[in-house]
Protein backbone atom coordinates (compact mmCIF):
# COMPACT_ATOMS: atom_id res chain seq x y z
CA MET A 1 10.57 9.37 10.91
CA ALA A 2 9.79 6.73 13.48
CA ASN A 3 12.52 4.12 13.90
CA TYR A 4 10.85 1.10 12.33
CA LYS A 5 12.95 -1.97 11.59
CA ASN A 6 13.00 -3.64 8.21
CA PRO A 7 12.52 -7.40 8.45
CA ILE A 8 11.01 -8.68 5.21
CA PRO A 9 13.34 -10.95 3.23
CA ASN A 10 12.68 -12.30 -0.21
CA VAL A 11 9.82 -14.64 0.65
CA GLU A 12 10.84 -17.07 -2.07
CA ASP A 13 14.10 -17.66 -0.22
CA ILE A 14 12.57 -18.28 3.22
CA VAL A 15 13.59 -21.60 4.72
CA ILE A 16 12.21 -22.34 8.17
CA ASP A 17 13.49 -25.14 10.40
CA ASN A 18 10.97 -25.43 13.22
CA SER A 19 11.84 -28.97 14.19
CA SER A 20 13.12 -28.06 17.65
CA GLU A 21 10.86 -27.21 20.57
CA GLU A 22 13.10 -24.31 21.50
CA TYR A 23 12.70 -22.70 18.07
CA GLY A 24 8.95 -23.12 18.08
CA SER A 25 8.64 -21.55 21.50
CA ASP A 26 10.33 -18.37 20.26
CA TYR A 27 7.53 -17.59 17.81
CA GLU A 28 3.89 -17.08 18.72
CA CYS A 29 1.46 -18.27 16.09
CA LYS A 30 -1.34 -15.90 15.12
CA LYS A 31 -3.76 -17.96 13.08
CA THR A 32 -5.72 -15.06 11.60
CA VAL A 33 -3.78 -12.02 10.45
CA TYR A 34 -4.33 -9.56 7.61
CA PHE A 35 -1.03 -8.60 6.00
CA ALA A 36 -0.53 -5.71 3.56
CA PHE A 37 2.56 -5.55 1.35
CA ILE A 38 2.90 -2.27 -0.61
CA ASP A 39 5.68 -1.64 -3.11
CA VAL A 40 6.82 1.41 -5.12
CA LEU A 41 6.03 1.01 -8.80
CA GLY A 42 9.14 1.03 -11.00
CA PHE A 43 11.59 1.73 -8.17
CA LYS A 44 14.52 -0.09 -9.80
CA GLN A 45 13.87 1.50 -13.18
CA THR A 46 13.75 4.96 -11.61
CA PHE A 47 17.00 4.25 -9.78
CA ASP A 48 18.73 3.04 -12.94
CA GLU A 49 17.56 6.06 -14.93
CA ASN A 50 18.80 8.40 -12.23
CA LYS A 51 22.13 6.58 -12.12
CA GLU A 52 22.62 7.13 -15.84
CA ASN A 53 21.83 10.84 -15.59
CA GLU A 54 24.11 11.73 -12.66
CA SER A 55 27.89 11.79 -12.87
CA GLU A 56 28.56 12.22 -9.15
CA GLU A 57 27.46 9.21 -7.11
CA GLU A 58 26.83 11.10 -3.84
CA GLU A 59 24.78 13.79 -5.60
CA ARG A 60 22.84 11.06 -7.43
CA ASP A 61 22.01 9.21 -4.22
CA ILE A 62 20.77 12.36 -2.49
CA LYS A 63 18.63 13.40 -5.45
CA PHE A 64 17.17 9.94 -5.77
CA ALA A 65 16.39 9.67 -2.05
CA ASP A 66 14.67 13.06 -1.98
CA LYS A 67 12.09 11.84 -4.50
CA PHE A 68 10.75 9.33 -2.01
CA LYS A 69 11.80 10.73 1.38
CA GLU A 70 8.81 12.98 1.91
CA VAL A 71 6.39 10.21 0.94
CA PHE A 72 7.90 7.65 3.31
CA ILE A 73 8.05 10.19 6.13
CA TYR A 74 4.36 10.95 5.69
CA TYR A 75 3.46 7.24 5.83
CA PHE A 76 5.05 6.92 9.26
CA GLU A 77 3.57 10.21 10.43
CA LEU A 78 0.15 8.76 9.66
CA MET A 79 0.95 5.39 11.20
CA SER A 80 2.53 6.81 14.36
CA ALA A 81 -0.41 9.17 14.94
CA SER A 82 -3.06 6.53 14.34
CA LYS A 83 -4.43 4.51 17.22
CA LEU A 84 -3.54 1.40 15.24
CA ILE A 85 0.15 1.90 16.01
CA SER A 86 0.13 4.32 18.96
CA MET A 87 -1.83 1.64 20.85
CA LYS A 88 -0.17 -1.37 19.19
CA GLU A 89 0.14 -3.22 22.51
CA THR A 90 -3.64 -3.56 22.57
CA THR A 91 -4.44 -3.51 18.83
CA GLY A 92 -1.77 -6.00 17.80
CA CYS A 93 -1.06 -3.96 14.67
CA TYR A 94 2.35 -3.08 13.30
CA ALA A 95 3.74 -1.05 10.38
CA GLY A 96 7.20 -1.05 8.88
CA GLN A 97 9.37 -0.48 5.85
CA THR A 98 12.05 -2.40 3.98
CA SER A 99 13.75 -0.60 1.10
CA ASP A 100 10.95 0.73 -1.14
CA SER A 101 8.32 -1.60 0.38
CA LEU A 102 5.86 -0.72 3.14
CA TYR A 103 3.92 -3.23 5.19
CA PHE A 104 1.26 -3.48 7.85
CA TYR A 105 -0.43 -6.31 9.69
CA SER A 106 -3.49 -6.57 11.90
CA PRO A 107 -5.29 -9.45 13.63
CA ARG A 108 -8.67 -7.73 13.31
CA GLU A 109 -10.76 -7.00 10.23
CA ASP A 110 -12.23 -3.76 11.63
CA LEU A 111 -8.74 -2.40 12.28
CA LEU A 112 -7.69 -3.43 8.79
CA VAL A 113 -10.52 -1.31 7.38
CA GLU A 114 -9.23 1.68 9.37
CA TYR A 115 -5.78 1.08 7.93
CA ILE A 116 -7.17 0.77 4.40
CA LYS A 117 -8.73 4.22 4.66
CA ILE A 118 -5.43 5.70 5.84
CA LEU A 119 -3.58 3.82 3.11
CA LEU A 120 -5.91 5.09 0.39
CA HIS A 121 -5.40 8.68 1.53
CA PHE A 122 -1.63 8.15 1.68
CA ASN A 123 -1.59 6.55 -1.76
CA LEU A 124 -3.27 9.57 -3.36
CA TYR A 125 -0.83 11.88 -1.58
CA ALA A 126 2.06 9.82 -2.96
CA MET A 127 0.59 10.04 -6.47
CA SER A 128 0.61 13.83 -6.13
CA LYS A 129 4.37 13.52 -5.50
CA ASP A 130 4.83 11.31 -8.57
CA VAL A 131 5.31 8.16 -6.48
CA PHE A 132 3.01 5.27 -7.34
CA PHE A 133 2.37 2.11 -5.35
CA ARG A 134 0.88 -1.28 -5.98
CA GLY A 135 0.34 -4.02 -3.44
CA GLY A 136 -1.54 -6.93 -2.00
CA ILE A 137 -3.45 -7.70 1.18
CA ALA A 138 -3.96 -11.30 2.27
CA LYS A 139 -5.38 -13.24 5.18
CA GLY A 140 -3.36 -16.04 6.74
CA ASN A 141 -1.23 -17.06 9.68
CA LEU A 142 1.72 -15.14 11.09
CA PHE A 143 4.45 -16.41 13.41
CA ILE A 144 5.80 -13.50 15.46
CA LYS A 145 8.88 -13.28 17.67
CA GLU A 146 9.15 -9.49 17.77
CA PRO A 147 6.70 -7.11 16.07
CA TYR A 148 9.27 -6.65 13.27
CA GLN A 149 10.42 -10.30 13.23
CA PHE A 150 7.93 -12.70 11.66
CA TYR A 151 7.06 -15.14 8.91
CA GLY A 152 3.89 -16.78 7.66
CA ASP A 153 1.67 -17.48 4.69
CA SER A 154 -0.07 -14.10 5.08
CA VAL A 155 3.27 -12.49 4.18
CA ILE A 156 3.88 -14.80 1.25
CA TYR A 157 0.36 -14.44 -0.17
CA SER A 158 0.35 -10.64 0.04
CA TYR A 159 3.78 -10.52 -1.61
CA LEU A 160 2.65 -12.81 -4.42
CA ILE A 161 -0.47 -10.70 -5.02
CA GLU A 162 1.70 -7.58 -5.34
CA ASP A 163 4.40 -9.24 -7.43
CA LYS A 164 2.44 -11.59 -9.69
CA ILE A 165 -1.17 -10.35 -9.82
CA SER A 166 -1.29 -6.56 -9.35
CA ARG A 167 -0.27 -5.59 -12.86
CA VAL A 168 -1.40 -1.97 -12.47
CA PRO A 169 -0.91 0.52 -9.60
CA ILE A 170 -3.62 -0.79 -7.28
CA ILE A 171 -3.78 -2.67 -3.99
CA MET A 172 -5.49 -6.00 -4.53
CA ILE A 173 -7.03 -8.14 -1.77
CA ASP A 174 -7.50 -11.88 -1.66
CA GLU A 175 -10.95 -13.42 -1.46
CA ASN A 176 -10.69 -14.25 2.26
CA THR A 177 -9.90 -10.62 3.06
CA TYR A 178 -12.70 -9.37 0.85
CA ASN A 179 -15.25 -11.64 2.55
CA ALA A 180 -14.09 -10.40 5.94
CA ILE A 181 -14.30 -6.65 5.25
CA LYS A 182 -17.05 -6.23 2.64
CA LYS A 183 -19.64 -5.62 5.37
CA TYR A 184 -17.76 -2.44 6.35
CA ASP A 185 -18.10 -0.98 2.86
CA GLU A 186 -21.66 0.26 3.32
CA ASP A 187 -21.45 2.88 0.57
CA ASP A 188 -19.86 0.37 -1.79
CA PHE A 189 -17.02 2.64 -2.84
CA LEU A 190 -13.98 1.32 -0.92
CA ILE A 191 -13.69 -1.90 -2.92
CA LYS A 192 -13.94 -2.57 -6.65
CA LYS A 193 -13.82 -5.71 -8.81
CA ASP A 194 -11.84 -6.25 -11.99
CA THR A 195 -12.78 -8.28 -15.08
CA ASN A 196 -11.29 -11.42 -13.49
CA ASP A 197 -13.54 -11.07 -10.42
CA ARG A 198 -10.57 -10.12 -8.25
CA HIS A 199 -11.13 -7.35 -5.70
CA TYR A 200 -9.01 -4.27 -5.23
CA LEU A 201 -9.14 -1.01 -3.27
CA ASN A 202 -10.68 2.00 -4.96
CA ILE A 203 -7.67 4.30 -5.23
CA TYR A 204 -9.83 7.41 -5.71
CA ALA A 205 -12.15 6.69 -2.78
CA PRO A 206 -10.65 9.51 -0.62
CA LEU A 207 -11.98 12.02 -3.16
CA HIS A 208 -15.53 10.78 -2.61
CA PRO A 209 -17.79 13.06 -0.49
CA HIS A 210 -18.65 10.17 1.85
CA PHE A 211 -15.05 9.23 2.60
CA SER A 212 -13.80 9.83 6.14
CA ILE A 213 -11.05 8.67 8.50
CA ASP A 214 -12.40 8.36 12.02
CA ASP A 215 -9.21 9.07 13.96
CA ASN A 216 -8.93 12.54 15.44
CA ASN A 217 -5.22 12.11 16.19
CA ILE A 218 -4.32 12.01 12.50
CA LYS A 219 -3.57 15.26 10.70
CA LEU A 220 -4.20 14.76 7.01
CA ARG A 221 -2.30 16.71 4.39
CA THR A 222 -4.21 18.28 1.52
CA ILE A 223 -4.24 16.27 -1.68
CA ASN A 224 -3.72 18.15 -4.94
CA LYS A 225 -6.03 16.41 -7.41
CA GLU A 226 -4.79 18.44 -10.38
CA LEU A 227 -1.19 17.48 -9.62
CA ILE A 228 -2.14 13.79 -9.55
CA LEU A 229 -3.71 14.11 -12.98
CA ALA A 230 -0.68 15.99 -14.32
CA ASN A 231 1.69 13.30 -13.03
CA ILE A 232 -0.37 10.54 -14.62
CA LYS A 233 -0.44 12.31 -17.99
CA ARG A 234 3.30 13.03 -17.86
CA ASN A 235 4.05 9.35 -17.22
CA LEU A 236 1.71 8.37 -20.05
CA LYS A 237 3.77 10.51 -22.40
CA LYS A 238 7.04 9.24 -20.94
CA PHE A 239 6.05 5.59 -21.47
CA GLU A 240 4.22 6.02 -24.78
CA TYR A 241 6.41 3.39 -26.42
CA ASP A 242 6.64 1.09 -23.37
CA VAL A 243 3.55 -1.12 -23.55
CA ASN A 244 3.76 -2.45 -19.98
CA ASN A 245 4.21 0.89 -18.21
CA TYR A 246 1.84 2.71 -20.55
CA GLU A 247 -0.92 0.29 -19.57
CA LYS A 248 -0.43 1.09 -15.89
CA TYR A 249 -0.83 4.84 -16.24
CA ARG A 250 -3.61 4.46 -18.79
CA PHE A 251 -5.51 2.50 -16.14
CA LEU A 252 -5.01 5.33 -13.64
CA LEU A 253 -6.23 7.95 -16.11
CA THR A 254 -9.29 5.93 -17.11
CA ALA A 255 -10.17 5.31 -13.46
CA PHE A 256 -9.73 9.02 -12.69
CA GLN A 257 -12.05 10.02 -15.53
CA LYS A 258 -14.63 7.48 -14.37
CA TYR A 259 -14.39 8.83 -10.81
CA GLU A 260 -15.10 12.38 -12.04
CA ARG A 261 -18.18 11.20 -13.95
CA GLU A 262 -19.45 9.39 -10.85
CA ILE A 263 -18.89 12.43 -8.63
CA ASN A 264 -20.65 14.73 -11.09
CA THR A 265 -23.60 12.34 -11.24
CA HIS A 266 -23.71 12.17 -7.45
CA GLN A 267 -23.76 15.97 -7.14
CA VAL A 268 -26.52 16.30 -9.72
CA ASN A 269 -28.65 13.72 -7.92
CA GLU A 270 -28.25 15.56 -4.64
């Protein structure tokens, strides 16, 4: 895995003293940045359950880490191979990880769309490994000292979307981000809208015949659609008596079934 540093603190605890000229000169202000904050669904609960089931602490830690290791490694394989990160000096993009959270930022809307396509593919791959993500993408400012050392309202807004608004395993985007990237969604299948008129990424878009990632350097792994469905149904059964978690996997199953109907209709029309 690439050696990415992990800078994100708890944004609610951030206190910035930028009263001195010297401090301000250390950080460059980027007024328009798109920031994505992606978090593993139920990470703490999974950790606690694993802790209860294992008597040996070292064995428990290894077993727990293995559940997520392959998924995190693949994320950075994709990021490192993509021109977004391999040419970060010119693109201004950066990707990193802190604990079970992944993040990415870009100063350009077109590059954000490229990242979104990679992210959607990665998210489906993770679902096939029984790892589910939810997150938020927001537009705002970003003060950067090093690529991995930053703060800004784009970070705070994306975190709040993930933590307070994304109730189910989806990546939601704020209205400013939606207005910036909607013109790139020509086939109208990358972005969806919920009942509250909030926009989110179509998690099953990579299964659509028109979906493509235009970066020849990236080697995509095959996604097992049947395994995704099996994982969703297993979690539905697991959380049958847990109303909050049941709702999350019920959403995924309903969306999957709707996707299959749309694909079948598309094939018939062709």
